[in-house]
Amino acid sequence: MENRIGILWDLDGTLLNTLGDLTASVNFALAACGLPARTEAEVRGFIGNGVAALMERAVGDVSRPEALDVFRAHYEAHCREKTAPYPGIPEALADLGAEFPMAIVSNKVDSAAKNLCAAFFPGVLAIGEMPDCPRKPAPEMVFRAMRELGVRRAVYVGDSDVDLATAANAQLPCLSVTWGFCDRARLAGCGAVYFCCDPAELPAQLRRIAARMED
C-alpha cells in the first residue's frame, strides 16, 4: 500500500443534497401503504443509518415491511430529479483529487451510490451498502475503500454523528461539515473536533489535517 493519505467522503448531506428526492420516495412509499406523508424536516432526522432504518423511522409504530421495497424501486428511478452537489463541492473535489486518492463511502444502497457518483463525480470510487459489508458506523466499508485506494491512512469527511462514529471506529480523523443534515451543535455534542462551514474551505482544511498526520 502507498504511504499517501486518502480522503473518504460521505455522500448524502456532505457532497450531495439528496433530501428532496429522499423525501419524495419516502412519501411515495408511505402513500402506497396508506400512511400519512412526512415533512422534509422529519426525513432529514431519519437519514444516516441506511434505507431500512430510514423507512422504519418513517413508517413509525405500524408494521409495513413492504414500504422498503416500494421506496427502493421508486428511489432507484427518481434519485436524480432534485438531487445536486452542494455549491462549491465539484470544484473542491477537482482540486483535492489532483493530490489525494479519494473514495465515497455511503450507507446508501450500493447501486444508487454508484449511479449518483457516476453522474456527479465520475471517476471517484464509490462504495455503498452491500449484504457482505456492514454499514456505517461499522468500519468495514471504510477499510474496503482504503484497500481499493491502496492507502494506509485517510481522513473521513461527513455531516453526521454516524460519520463521526465511523471515523472513530476506523481510527481516522473526521472533518465534520455543517451544511448537511446535522447542525454544528449536534456534531460538537457528538465529539467533533474539526469543522468546515463552506465547501470552498475544504481543500485548505483537509490539507492542514493531512499535514498534521504527516508530523
N, C-alpha and C. Protein backbone atom coordinates (compact mmCIF):
# COMPACT_ATOMS: atom_id res chain seq x y z
N MET A 1 0.82 -1.20 0.00
CA MET A 1 0.00 0.00 0.00
C MET A 1 0.87 1.26 0.00
N GLU A 2 0.34 2.32 -0.62
CA GLU A 2 1.05 3.58 -0.66
C GLU A 2 1.03 4.26 0.70
N ASN A 3 2.00 5.15 0.90
CA ASN A 3 2.04 5.92 2.14
C ASN A 3 1.25 7.23 2.01
N ARG A 4 0.58 7.43 0.86
CA ARG A 4 -0.21 8.63 0.67
C ARG A 4 -1.44 8.60 1.59
N ILE A 5 -1.99 9.77 1.86
CA ILE A 5 -3.19 9.90 2.67
C ILE A 5 -4.39 10.02 1.74
N GLY A 6 -5.41 9.21 2.00
CA GLY A 6 -6.63 9.27 1.20
C GLY A 6 -7.68 10.16 1.86
N ILE A 7 -8.67 10.53 1.07
CA ILE A 7 -9.83 11.26 1.58
C ILE A 7 -11.07 10.43 1.29
N LEU A 8 -11.84 10.15 2.33
CA LEU A 8 -13.08 9.38 2.20
C LEU A 8 -14.25 10.31 2.49
N TRP A 9 -15.24 10.28 1.62
CA TRP A 9 -16.36 11.20 1.71
C TRP A 9 -17.66 10.45 2.00
N ASP A 10 -18.45 10.96 2.91
CA ASP A 10 -19.85 10.60 2.98
C ASP A 10 -20.53 11.23 1.75
N LEU A 11 -21.74 10.76 1.42
CA LEU A 11 -22.42 11.26 0.23
C LEU A 11 -23.59 12.19 0.57
N ASP A 12 -24.65 11.63 1.18
CA ASP A 12 -25.85 12.42 1.49
C ASP A 12 -25.55 13.45 2.56
N GLY A 13 -25.79 14.72 2.26
CA GLY A 13 -25.58 15.76 3.24
C GLY A 13 -24.16 16.28 3.30
N THR A 14 -23.26 15.62 2.60
CA THR A 14 -21.86 16.05 2.56
C THR A 14 -21.49 16.54 1.17
N LEU A 15 -21.68 15.69 0.18
CA LEU A 15 -21.40 16.06 -1.21
C LEU A 15 -22.67 16.42 -1.97
N LEU A 16 -23.73 15.66 -1.74
CA LEU A 16 -24.98 15.86 -2.47
C LEU A 16 -26.12 16.23 -1.53
N ASN A 17 -26.93 17.19 -1.96
CA ASN A 17 -28.18 17.47 -1.25
C ASN A 17 -29.25 16.55 -1.85
N THR A 18 -29.50 15.45 -1.17
CA THR A 18 -30.41 14.41 -1.65
C THR A 18 -31.76 14.47 -0.95
N LEU A 19 -31.98 15.46 -0.10
CA LEU A 19 -33.15 15.44 0.78
C LEU A 19 -34.46 15.48 0.00
N GLY A 20 -34.54 16.26 -1.07
CA GLY A 20 -35.78 16.36 -1.82
C GLY A 20 -36.21 15.04 -2.44
N ASP A 21 -35.25 14.34 -3.06
CA ASP A 21 -35.58 13.06 -3.69
C ASP A 21 -35.86 11.98 -2.65
N LEU A 22 -35.12 11.99 -1.55
CA LEU A 22 -35.39 11.02 -0.49
C LEU A 22 -36.78 11.23 0.09
N THR A 23 -37.15 12.48 0.32
CA THR A 23 -38.47 12.77 0.87
C THR A 23 -39.57 12.34 -0.09
N ALA A 24 -39.38 12.60 -1.37
CA ALA A 24 -40.39 12.21 -2.37
C ALA A 24 -40.57 10.70 -2.40
N SER A 25 -39.47 9.94 -2.33
CA SER A 25 -39.58 8.48 -2.37
C SER A 25 -40.15 7.92 -1.07
N VAL A 26 -39.79 8.51 0.06
CA VAL A 26 -40.39 8.10 1.33
C VAL A 26 -41.90 8.29 1.27
N ASN A 27 -42.34 9.43 0.81
CA ASN A 27 -43.77 9.72 0.80
C ASN A 27 -44.52 8.91 -0.26
N PHE A 28 -43.87 8.58 -1.34
CA PHE A 28 -44.49 7.67 -2.32
C PHE A 28 -44.74 6.31 -1.68
N ALA A 29 -43.74 5.81 -0.94
CA ALA A 29 -43.90 4.51 -0.28
C ALA A 29 -44.95 4.57 0.82
N LEU A 30 -44.97 5.65 1.58
CA LEU A 30 -45.97 5.78 2.64
C LEU A 30 -47.38 5.84 2.07
N ALA A 31 -47.54 6.59 0.99
CA ALA A 31 -48.86 6.67 0.36
C ALA A 31 -49.30 5.31 -0.15
N ALA A 32 -48.37 4.54 -0.72
CA ALA A 32 -48.70 3.20 -1.22
C ALA A 32 -49.15 2.28 -0.10
N CYS A 33 -48.71 2.57 1.12
CA CYS A 33 -49.08 1.76 2.28
C CYS A 33 -50.24 2.37 3.07
N GLY A 34 -50.81 3.45 2.55
CA GLY A 34 -51.93 4.08 3.23
C GLY A 34 -51.54 4.85 4.47
N LEU A 35 -50.31 5.35 4.50
CA LEU A 35 -49.82 6.07 5.68
C LEU A 35 -49.63 7.55 5.36
N PRO A 36 -49.67 8.42 6.35
CA PRO A 36 -49.53 9.86 6.10
C PRO A 36 -48.11 10.23 5.70
N ALA A 37 -48.01 11.34 4.96
CA ALA A 37 -46.72 11.82 4.47
C ALA A 37 -45.87 12.39 5.61
N ARG A 38 -44.57 12.44 5.35
CA ARG A 38 -43.61 13.06 6.27
C ARG A 38 -43.07 14.35 5.66
N THR A 39 -42.70 15.29 6.50
CA THR A 39 -42.10 16.53 6.03
C THR A 39 -40.61 16.31 5.73
N GLU A 40 -40.03 17.26 5.00
CA GLU A 40 -38.59 17.19 4.75
C GLU A 40 -37.82 17.24 6.06
N ALA A 41 -38.28 18.03 7.00
CA ALA A 41 -37.59 18.13 8.30
C ALA A 41 -37.60 16.78 9.01
N GLU A 42 -38.71 16.07 8.95
CA GLU A 42 -38.77 14.75 9.57
C GLU A 42 -37.82 13.78 8.87
N VAL A 43 -37.86 13.76 7.54
CA VAL A 43 -37.00 12.85 6.79
C VAL A 43 -35.53 13.16 7.05
N ARG A 44 -35.19 14.43 7.15
CA ARG A 44 -33.81 14.81 7.47
C ARG A 44 -33.34 14.12 8.76
N GLY A 45 -34.22 14.05 9.74
CA GLY A 45 -33.86 13.41 11.01
C GLY A 45 -33.80 11.90 10.94
N PHE A 46 -34.37 11.31 9.89
CA PHE A 46 -34.37 9.85 9.76
C PHE A 46 -33.14 9.33 9.02
N ILE A 47 -32.41 10.21 8.35
CA ILE A 47 -31.32 9.80 7.46
C ILE A 47 -30.06 9.49 8.27
N GLY A 48 -29.27 8.52 7.77
CA GLY A 48 -27.95 8.29 8.34
C GLY A 48 -27.57 6.85 8.57
N ASN A 49 -28.56 5.98 8.77
CA ASN A 49 -28.25 4.59 9.10
C ASN A 49 -28.72 3.60 8.03
N GLY A 50 -28.84 4.08 6.78
CA GLY A 50 -29.26 3.20 5.70
C GLY A 50 -30.75 3.30 5.43
N VAL A 51 -31.17 2.73 4.29
CA VAL A 51 -32.56 2.90 3.85
C VAL A 51 -33.53 2.08 4.69
N ALA A 52 -33.10 0.95 5.22
CA ALA A 52 -34.01 0.17 6.06
C ALA A 52 -34.38 0.95 7.31
N ALA A 53 -33.38 1.56 7.94
CA ALA A 53 -33.65 2.38 9.13
C ALA A 53 -34.46 3.61 8.76
N LEU A 54 -34.19 4.21 7.60
CA LEU A 54 -34.95 5.36 7.14
C LEU A 54 -36.44 5.04 7.07
N MET A 55 -36.77 3.91 6.44
CA MET A 55 -38.18 3.56 6.28
C MET A 55 -38.81 3.08 7.59
N GLU A 56 -38.05 2.43 8.43
CA GLU A 56 -38.57 2.04 9.74
C GLU A 56 -38.98 3.29 10.53
N ARG A 57 -38.16 4.31 10.48
CA ARG A 57 -38.47 5.55 11.20
C ARG A 57 -39.64 6.27 10.56
N ALA A 58 -39.69 6.25 9.23
CA ALA A 58 -40.78 6.94 8.54
C ALA A 58 -42.12 6.26 8.77
N VAL A 59 -42.13 4.94 8.79
CA VAL A 59 -43.37 4.19 8.99
C VAL A 59 -43.86 4.33 10.42
N GLY A 60 -42.94 4.36 11.37
CA GLY A 60 -43.32 4.51 12.77
C GLY A 60 -43.68 3.20 13.42
N ASP A 61 -44.71 3.20 14.22
CA ASP A 61 -45.03 2.04 15.05
C ASP A 61 -45.83 0.96 14.32
N VAL A 62 -46.33 1.25 13.12
CA VAL A 62 -47.12 0.25 12.40
C VAL A 62 -46.19 -0.69 11.64
N SER A 63 -46.68 -1.83 11.24
CA SER A 63 -45.89 -2.82 10.50
C SER A 63 -46.21 -2.72 9.02
N ARG A 64 -45.28 -2.20 8.25
CA ARG A 64 -45.44 -2.10 6.80
C ARG A 64 -44.11 -2.50 6.13
N PRO A 65 -43.73 -3.79 6.21
CA PRO A 65 -42.45 -4.20 5.63
C PRO A 65 -42.34 -3.95 4.14
N GLU A 66 -43.49 -3.89 3.45
CA GLU A 66 -43.46 -3.66 2.00
C GLU A 66 -43.00 -2.24 1.65
N ALA A 67 -43.05 -1.34 2.63
CA ALA A 67 -42.68 0.05 2.34
C ALA A 67 -41.24 0.17 1.87
N LEU A 68 -40.35 -0.66 2.38
CA LEU A 68 -38.94 -0.59 1.99
C LEU A 68 -38.76 -0.92 0.52
N ASP A 69 -39.42 -1.98 0.04
CA ASP A 69 -39.29 -2.35 -1.37
C ASP A 69 -39.87 -1.28 -2.28
N VAL A 70 -41.00 -0.69 -1.87
CA VAL A 70 -41.60 0.38 -2.67
C VAL A 70 -40.66 1.58 -2.72
N PHE A 71 -40.09 1.92 -1.58
CA PHE A 71 -39.13 3.03 -1.54
C PHE A 71 -37.94 2.76 -2.47
N ARG A 72 -37.35 1.58 -2.34
CA ARG A 72 -36.16 1.26 -3.15
C ARG A 72 -36.45 1.43 -4.64
N ALA A 73 -37.57 0.86 -5.10
CA ALA A 73 -37.88 0.91 -6.53
C ALA A 73 -38.12 2.35 -6.99
N HIS A 74 -38.85 3.12 -6.18
CA HIS A 74 -39.13 4.50 -6.56
C HIS A 74 -37.85 5.34 -6.55
N TYR A 75 -37.04 5.17 -5.53
CA TYR A 75 -35.83 5.98 -5.43
C TYR A 75 -34.84 5.65 -6.54
N GLU A 76 -34.73 4.37 -6.89
CA GLU A 76 -33.83 3.97 -7.98
C GLU A 76 -34.20 4.70 -9.27
N ALA A 77 -35.50 4.89 -9.49
CA ALA A 77 -35.96 5.52 -10.73
C ALA A 77 -35.97 7.04 -10.67
N HIS A 78 -35.97 7.62 -9.47
CA HIS A 78 -36.18 9.07 -9.34
C HIS A 78 -35.12 9.77 -8.50
N CYS A 79 -33.95 9.16 -8.32
CA CYS A 79 -32.97 9.68 -7.36
C CYS A 79 -32.21 10.91 -7.86
N ARG A 80 -32.44 11.32 -9.11
CA ARG A 80 -31.68 12.47 -9.63
C ARG A 80 -32.58 13.62 -10.05
N GLU A 81 -33.84 13.62 -9.61
CA GLU A 81 -34.74 14.67 -10.05
C GLU A 81 -34.50 15.99 -9.33
N LYS A 82 -34.21 15.95 -8.04
CA LYS A 82 -33.95 17.16 -7.27
C LYS A 82 -32.52 17.19 -6.70
N THR A 83 -31.84 16.09 -6.74
CA THR A 83 -30.51 15.96 -6.14
C THR A 83 -29.46 16.72 -6.94
N ALA A 84 -28.55 17.37 -6.22
CA ALA A 84 -27.45 18.10 -6.86
C ALA A 84 -26.32 18.26 -5.85
N PRO A 85 -25.09 18.45 -6.32
CA PRO A 85 -24.00 18.76 -5.39
C PRO A 85 -24.24 20.09 -4.69
N TYR A 86 -23.79 20.19 -3.46
CA TYR A 86 -23.80 21.49 -2.79
C TYR A 86 -22.87 22.44 -3.56
N PRO A 87 -23.21 23.72 -3.60
CA PRO A 87 -22.35 24.68 -4.32
C PRO A 87 -20.91 24.63 -3.82
N GLY A 88 -19.99 24.54 -4.77
CA GLY A 88 -18.57 24.50 -4.43
C GLY A 88 -17.99 23.11 -4.29
N ILE A 89 -18.84 22.10 -4.18
CA ILE A 89 -18.34 20.73 -4.00
C ILE A 89 -17.60 20.21 -5.23
N PRO A 90 -18.13 20.34 -6.44
CA PRO A 90 -17.36 19.83 -7.60
C PRO A 90 -15.98 20.45 -7.71
N GLU A 91 -15.89 21.75 -7.44
CA GLU A 91 -14.60 22.42 -7.52
C GLU A 91 -13.64 21.91 -6.44
N ALA A 92 -14.15 21.68 -5.23
CA ALA A 92 -13.30 21.18 -4.14
C ALA A 92 -12.77 19.79 -4.47
N LEU A 93 -13.63 18.92 -5.01
CA LEU A 93 -13.19 17.57 -5.35
C LEU A 93 -12.18 17.59 -6.49
N ALA A 94 -12.38 18.47 -7.46
CA ALA A 94 -11.42 18.56 -8.56
C ALA A 94 -10.05 19.00 -8.05
N ASP A 95 -10.04 19.95 -7.14
CA ASP A 95 -8.80 20.44 -6.54
C ASP A 95 -8.11 19.32 -5.76
N LEU A 96 -8.83 18.70 -4.85
CA LEU A 96 -8.24 17.69 -3.97
C LEU A 96 -7.89 16.41 -4.73
N GLY A 97 -8.67 16.08 -5.75
CA GLY A 97 -8.44 14.83 -6.48
C GLY A 97 -7.13 14.81 -7.23
N ALA A 98 -6.56 15.96 -7.50
CA ALA A 98 -5.26 16.01 -8.16
C ALA A 98 -4.12 15.63 -7.21
N GLU A 99 -4.41 15.61 -5.91
CA GLU A 99 -3.37 15.37 -4.91
C GLU A 99 -3.62 14.13 -4.06
N PHE A 100 -4.89 13.84 -3.77
CA PHE A 100 -5.23 12.77 -2.83
C PHE A 100 -6.06 11.67 -3.52
N PRO A 101 -5.77 10.40 -3.22
CA PRO A 101 -6.70 9.34 -3.63
C PRO A 101 -8.01 9.54 -2.86
N MET A 102 -9.16 9.37 -3.55
CA MET A 102 -10.43 9.67 -2.91
C MET A 102 -11.45 8.56 -3.19
N ALA A 103 -12.35 8.39 -2.22
CA ALA A 103 -13.47 7.46 -2.38
C ALA A 103 -14.66 7.99 -1.62
N ILE A 104 -15.84 7.57 -2.05
CA ILE A 104 -17.09 7.90 -1.38
C ILE A 104 -17.59 6.66 -0.67
N VAL A 105 -17.90 6.80 0.61
CA VAL A 105 -18.37 5.68 1.44
C VAL A 105 -19.72 6.09 2.01
N SER A 106 -20.77 5.40 1.59
CA SER A 106 -22.13 5.83 1.91
C SER A 106 -22.97 4.67 2.40
N ASN A 107 -23.93 4.98 3.28
CA ASN A 107 -24.92 3.98 3.67
C ASN A 107 -26.07 3.87 2.67
N LYS A 108 -26.01 4.64 1.60
CA LYS A 108 -26.97 4.49 0.52
C LYS A 108 -26.74 3.12 -0.14
N VAL A 109 -27.79 2.51 -0.67
CA VAL A 109 -27.65 1.24 -1.38
C VAL A 109 -26.56 1.36 -2.44
N ASP A 110 -25.72 0.35 -2.56
CA ASP A 110 -24.53 0.43 -3.40
C ASP A 110 -24.86 0.85 -4.83
N SER A 111 -25.91 0.31 -5.42
CA SER A 111 -26.23 0.65 -6.81
C SER A 111 -26.59 2.14 -6.93
N ALA A 112 -27.36 2.66 -5.98
CA ALA A 112 -27.73 4.08 -6.02
C ALA A 112 -26.51 4.96 -5.79
N ALA A 113 -25.64 4.57 -4.85
CA ALA A 113 -24.43 5.35 -4.60
C ALA A 113 -23.56 5.41 -5.84
N LYS A 114 -23.38 4.27 -6.50
CA LYS A 114 -22.54 4.23 -7.71
C LYS A 114 -23.17 5.02 -8.84
N ASN A 115 -24.48 4.93 -9.01
CA ASN A 115 -25.15 5.67 -10.08
C ASN A 115 -25.04 7.18 -9.88
N LEU A 116 -25.26 7.63 -8.65
CA LEU A 116 -25.17 9.06 -8.37
C LEU A 116 -23.74 9.56 -8.53
N CYS A 117 -22.79 8.78 -8.07
CA CYS A 117 -21.40 9.21 -8.17
C CYS A 117 -20.93 9.23 -9.62
N ALA A 118 -21.39 8.26 -10.41
CA ALA A 118 -21.02 8.26 -11.83
C ALA A 118 -21.58 9.50 -12.53
N ALA A 119 -22.77 9.94 -12.10
CA ALA A 119 -23.39 11.11 -12.71
C ALA A 119 -22.73 12.41 -12.28
N PHE A 120 -22.42 12.53 -11.00
CA PHE A 120 -21.95 13.81 -10.47
C PHE A 120 -20.44 13.86 -10.22
N PHE A 121 -19.82 12.72 -9.93
CA PHE A 121 -18.39 12.69 -9.61
C PHE A 121 -17.71 11.56 -10.37
N PRO A 122 -17.74 11.60 -11.69
CA PRO A 122 -17.18 10.48 -12.47
C PRO A 122 -15.72 10.24 -12.15
N GLY A 123 -15.39 8.96 -12.06
CA GLY A 123 -14.01 8.57 -11.77
C GLY A 123 -13.69 8.40 -10.31
N VAL A 124 -14.60 8.82 -9.41
CA VAL A 124 -14.37 8.66 -7.97
C VAL A 124 -14.95 7.33 -7.52
N LEU A 125 -14.16 6.54 -6.84
CA LEU A 125 -14.62 5.25 -6.32
C LEU A 125 -15.78 5.46 -5.36
N ALA A 126 -16.83 4.67 -5.50
CA ALA A 126 -18.00 4.76 -4.61
C ALA A 126 -18.32 3.39 -4.05
N ILE A 127 -18.55 3.34 -2.74
CA ILE A 127 -18.93 2.11 -2.05
C ILE A 127 -20.18 2.41 -1.24
N GLY A 128 -21.23 1.65 -1.49
CA GLY A 128 -22.47 1.79 -0.75
C GLY A 128 -22.80 0.55 0.05
N GLU A 129 -23.99 0.54 0.61
CA GLU A 129 -24.41 -0.57 1.46
C GLU A 129 -24.54 -1.85 0.65
N MET A 130 -23.89 -2.93 1.12
CA MET A 130 -23.90 -4.23 0.47
C MET A 130 -24.13 -5.31 1.51
N PRO A 131 -24.73 -6.45 1.10
CA PRO A 131 -25.01 -7.51 2.09
C PRO A 131 -23.77 -8.05 2.78
N ASP A 132 -22.62 -8.03 2.08
CA ASP A 132 -21.42 -8.65 2.64
C ASP A 132 -20.53 -7.67 3.38
N CYS A 133 -21.02 -6.45 3.63
CA CYS A 133 -20.17 -5.45 4.29
C CYS A 133 -21.04 -4.61 5.21
N PRO A 134 -20.86 -4.72 6.53
CA PRO A 134 -21.71 -3.96 7.46
C PRO A 134 -21.67 -2.47 7.18
N ARG A 135 -22.82 -1.81 7.30
CA ARG A 135 -22.89 -0.39 7.01
C ARG A 135 -22.30 0.43 8.15
N LYS A 136 -22.04 1.69 7.85
CA LYS A 136 -21.56 2.61 8.86
C LYS A 136 -22.58 2.69 10.02
N PRO A 137 -22.13 2.82 11.25
CA PRO A 137 -20.79 3.22 11.69
C PRO A 137 -19.75 2.10 11.83
N ALA A 138 -20.09 0.87 11.44
CA ALA A 138 -19.06 -0.17 11.40
C ALA A 138 -17.96 0.29 10.43
N PRO A 139 -16.70 -0.06 10.69
CA PRO A 139 -15.62 0.49 9.88
C PRO A 139 -15.30 -0.30 8.61
N GLU A 140 -16.00 -1.43 8.38
CA GLU A 140 -15.61 -2.30 7.27
C GLU A 140 -15.67 -1.62 5.91
N MET A 141 -16.69 -0.78 5.67
CA MET A 141 -16.78 -0.09 4.38
C MET A 141 -15.60 0.86 4.19
N VAL A 142 -15.18 1.50 5.26
CA VAL A 142 -14.02 2.38 5.21
C VAL A 142 -12.76 1.58 4.88
N PHE A 143 -12.59 0.46 5.54
CA PHE A 143 -11.39 -0.36 5.28
C PHE A 143 -11.39 -0.88 3.84
N ARG A 144 -12.56 -1.24 3.32
CA ARG A 144 -12.64 -1.71 1.94
C ARG A 144 -12.23 -0.59 0.98
N ALA A 145 -12.72 0.61 1.24
CA ALA A 145 -12.35 1.74 0.38
C ALA A 145 -10.85 2.01 0.44
N MET A 146 -10.27 1.94 1.62
CA MET A 146 -8.84 2.19 1.74
C MET A 146 -8.03 1.12 1.01
N ARG A 147 -8.47 -0.13 1.09
CA ARG A 147 -7.78 -1.18 0.34
C ARG A 147 -7.86 -0.92 -1.15
N GLU A 148 -9.03 -0.55 -1.64
CA GLU A 148 -9.18 -0.31 -3.07
C GLU A 148 -8.38 0.90 -3.53
N LEU A 149 -8.25 1.90 -2.66
CA LEU A 149 -7.43 3.07 -2.98
C LEU A 149 -5.94 2.77 -2.84
N GLY A 150 -5.61 1.76 -2.04
CA GLY A 150 -4.22 1.43 -1.79
C GLY A 150 -3.55 2.37 -0.81
N VAL A 151 -4.31 2.83 0.21
CA VAL A 151 -3.74 3.75 1.20
C VAL A 151 -3.84 3.14 2.60
N ARG A 152 -2.93 3.54 3.46
CA ARG A 152 -2.93 3.08 4.84
C ARG A 152 -3.59 4.09 5.78
N ARG A 153 -3.65 5.36 5.36
CA ARG A 153 -4.19 6.42 6.21
C ARG A 153 -5.20 7.23 5.40
N ALA A 154 -6.15 7.82 6.12
CA ALA A 154 -7.17 8.61 5.42
C ALA A 154 -7.82 9.58 6.39
N VAL A 155 -8.48 10.58 5.83
CA VAL A 155 -9.36 11.50 6.57
C VAL A 155 -10.77 11.21 6.10
N TYR A 156 -11.70 11.15 7.05
CA TYR A 156 -13.10 10.94 6.70
C TYR A 156 -13.84 12.28 6.79
N VAL A 157 -14.68 12.56 5.80
CA VAL A 157 -15.44 13.81 5.75
C VAL A 157 -16.93 13.46 5.76
N GLY A 158 -17.67 13.99 6.72
CA GLY A 158 -19.09 13.68 6.80
C GLY A 158 -19.87 14.76 7.52
N ASP A 159 -21.18 14.56 7.58
CA ASP A 159 -22.05 15.60 8.14
C ASP A 159 -22.85 15.13 9.35
N SER A 160 -22.56 13.95 9.89
CA SER A 160 -23.47 13.40 10.89
C SER A 160 -22.74 12.72 12.04
N ASP A 161 -23.52 12.39 13.07
CA ASP A 161 -22.99 11.62 14.18
C ASP A 161 -22.56 10.23 13.74
N VAL A 162 -23.26 9.67 12.75
CA VAL A 162 -22.87 8.36 12.20
C VAL A 162 -21.48 8.44 11.58
N ASP A 163 -21.19 9.53 10.87
CA ASP A 163 -19.87 9.69 10.26
C ASP A 163 -18.78 9.85 11.31
N LEU A 164 -19.07 10.58 12.37
CA LEU A 164 -18.10 10.70 13.46
C LEU A 164 -17.81 9.34 14.09
N ALA A 165 -18.86 8.54 14.31
CA ALA A 165 -18.66 7.22 14.89
C ALA A 165 -17.91 6.30 13.93
N THR A 166 -18.20 6.42 12.65
CA THR A 166 -17.49 5.62 11.64
C THR A 166 -16.00 5.91 11.66
N ALA A 167 -15.66 7.20 11.65
CA ALA A 167 -14.25 7.58 11.67
C ALA A 167 -13.58 7.09 12.95
N ALA A 168 -14.27 7.23 14.08
CA ALA A 168 -13.69 6.77 15.35
C ALA A 168 -13.46 5.26 15.33
N ASN A 169 -14.42 4.52 14.79
CA ASN A 169 -14.28 3.07 14.74
C ASN A 169 -13.15 2.63 13.82
N ALA A 170 -12.87 3.44 12.80
CA ALA A 170 -11.77 3.14 11.88
C ALA A 170 -10.47 3.81 12.30
N GLN A 171 -10.50 4.55 13.42
CA GLN A 171 -9.34 5.27 13.94
C GLN A 171 -8.80 6.28 12.92
N LEU A 172 -9.73 7.05 12.34
CA LEU A 172 -9.38 8.09 11.39
C LEU A 172 -9.85 9.44 11.91
N PRO A 173 -9.14 10.52 11.58
CA PRO A 173 -9.68 11.85 11.89
C PRO A 173 -10.90 12.13 11.03
N CYS A 174 -11.83 12.94 11.54
CA CYS A 174 -13.05 13.26 10.83
C CYS A 174 -13.21 14.77 10.72
N LEU A 175 -13.46 15.24 9.51
CA LEU A 175 -13.82 16.63 9.28
C LEU A 175 -15.33 16.69 9.13
N SER A 176 -16.00 17.40 10.02
CA SER A 176 -17.46 17.48 10.02
C SER A 176 -17.91 18.73 9.28
N VAL A 177 -18.77 18.56 8.27
CA VAL A 177 -19.30 19.70 7.53
C VAL A 177 -20.64 20.10 8.13
N THR A 178 -20.94 21.40 8.07
CA THR A 178 -22.11 21.93 8.77
C THR A 178 -23.26 22.29 7.84
N TRP A 179 -23.14 22.02 6.53
CA TRP A 179 -24.22 22.36 5.60
C TRP A 179 -25.16 21.18 5.35
N GLY A 180 -24.94 20.07 6.01
CA GLY A 180 -25.72 18.87 5.74
C GLY A 180 -26.91 18.68 6.64
N PHE A 181 -27.08 17.45 7.13
CA PHE A 181 -28.29 17.06 7.84
C PHE A 181 -28.17 17.17 9.36
N CYS A 182 -27.00 17.54 9.89
CA CYS A 182 -26.81 17.77 11.33
C CYS A 182 -26.21 19.17 11.52
N ASP A 183 -26.66 19.88 12.53
CA ASP A 183 -26.09 21.20 12.76
C ASP A 183 -24.82 21.09 13.61
N ARG A 184 -24.11 22.22 13.72
CA ARG A 184 -22.81 22.22 14.41
C ARG A 184 -22.95 21.83 15.87
N ALA A 185 -24.00 22.30 16.54
CA ALA A 185 -24.16 21.99 17.96
C ALA A 185 -24.28 20.49 18.18
N ARG A 186 -25.07 19.83 17.35
CA ARG A 186 -25.22 18.38 17.49
C ARG A 186 -23.90 17.67 17.21
N LEU A 187 -23.19 18.11 16.17
CA LEU A 187 -21.91 17.49 15.85
C LEU A 187 -20.90 17.68 16.99
N ALA A 188 -20.86 18.88 17.54
CA ALA A 188 -19.95 19.14 18.66
C ALA A 188 -20.31 18.27 19.85
N GLY A 189 -21.60 18.09 20.09
CA GLY A 189 -22.03 17.23 21.19
C GLY A 189 -21.66 15.77 21.00
N CYS A 190 -21.41 15.40 19.74
CA CYS A 190 -21.01 14.02 19.43
C CYS A 190 -19.50 13.87 19.35
N GLY A 191 -18.77 14.95 19.68
CA GLY A 191 -17.32 14.84 19.76
C GLY A 191 -16.55 15.37 18.57
N ALA A 192 -17.20 16.09 17.67
CA ALA A 192 -16.48 16.63 16.51
C ALA A 192 -15.38 17.59 16.96
N VAL A 193 -14.25 17.50 16.28
CA VAL A 193 -13.09 18.36 16.58
C VAL A 193 -12.83 19.33 15.43
N TYR A 194 -12.95 18.83 14.20
CA TYR A 194 -12.70 19.64 13.00
C TYR A 194 -14.03 19.96 12.33
N PHE A 195 -14.23 21.23 11.97
CA PHE A 195 -15.47 21.66 11.31
C PHE A 195 -15.14 22.40 10.02
N CYS A 196 -16.03 22.24 9.04
CA CYS A 196 -15.95 23.03 7.82
C CYS A 196 -17.33 23.60 7.56
N CYS A 197 -17.41 24.92 7.38
CA CYS A 197 -18.69 25.60 7.20
C CYS A 197 -18.94 26.04 5.76
N ASP A 198 -17.95 25.86 4.88
CA ASP A 198 -18.08 26.31 3.49
C ASP A 198 -17.30 25.35 2.59
N PRO A 199 -17.94 24.77 1.56
CA PRO A 199 -17.21 23.85 0.70
C PRO A 199 -15.93 24.43 0.11
N ALA A 200 -15.89 25.75 -0.09
CA ALA A 200 -14.69 26.36 -0.64
C ALA A 200 -13.49 26.22 0.29
N GLU A 201 -13.75 25.98 1.58
CA GLU A 201 -12.68 25.83 2.55
C GLU A 201 -12.16 24.40 2.68
N LEU A 202 -12.85 23.45 2.02
CA LEU A 202 -12.46 22.04 2.17
C LEU A 202 -11.01 21.77 1.77
N PRO A 203 -10.54 22.23 0.61
CA PRO A 203 -9.16 21.90 0.25
C PRO A 203 -8.14 22.34 1.29
N ALA A 204 -8.23 23.59 1.74
CA ALA A 204 -7.25 24.08 2.71
C ALA A 204 -7.35 23.32 4.03
N GLN A 205 -8.57 23.06 4.50
CA GLN A 205 -8.71 22.38 5.78
C GLN A 205 -8.24 20.93 5.71
N LEU A 206 -8.54 20.26 4.62
CA LEU A 206 -8.10 18.86 4.50
C LEU A 206 -6.58 18.78 4.34
N ARG A 207 -6.00 19.74 3.67
CA ARG A 207 -4.53 19.75 3.57
C ARG A 207 -3.89 19.99 4.93
N ARG A 208 -4.51 20.83 5.75
CA ARG A 208 -3.96 21.04 7.11
C ARG A 208 -4.05 19.77 7.95
N ILE A 209 -5.18 19.09 7.87
CA ILE A 209 -5.33 17.84 8.64
C ILE A 209 -4.33 16.80 8.15
N ALA A 210 -4.18 16.70 6.83
CA ALA A 210 -3.21 15.74 6.27
C ALA A 210 -1.80 16.05 6.71
N ALA A 211 -1.46 17.35 6.77
CA ALA A 211 -0.11 17.74 7.19
C ALA A 211 0.12 17.36 8.65
N ARG A 212 -0.90 17.49 9.50
CA ARG A 212 -0.75 17.05 10.89
C ARG A 212 -0.52 15.55 10.98
N MET A 213 -1.16 14.80 10.10
CA MET A 213 -0.98 13.35 10.11
C MET A 213 0.42 12.95 9.67
N GLU A 214 1.09 13.82 8.93
CA GLU A 214 2.47 13.54 8.47
C GLU A 214 3.49 13.81 9.55
N ASP A 215 3.12 14.65 10.55
CA ASP A 215 4.10 15.03 11.61
C ASP A 215 4.47 13.84 12.49
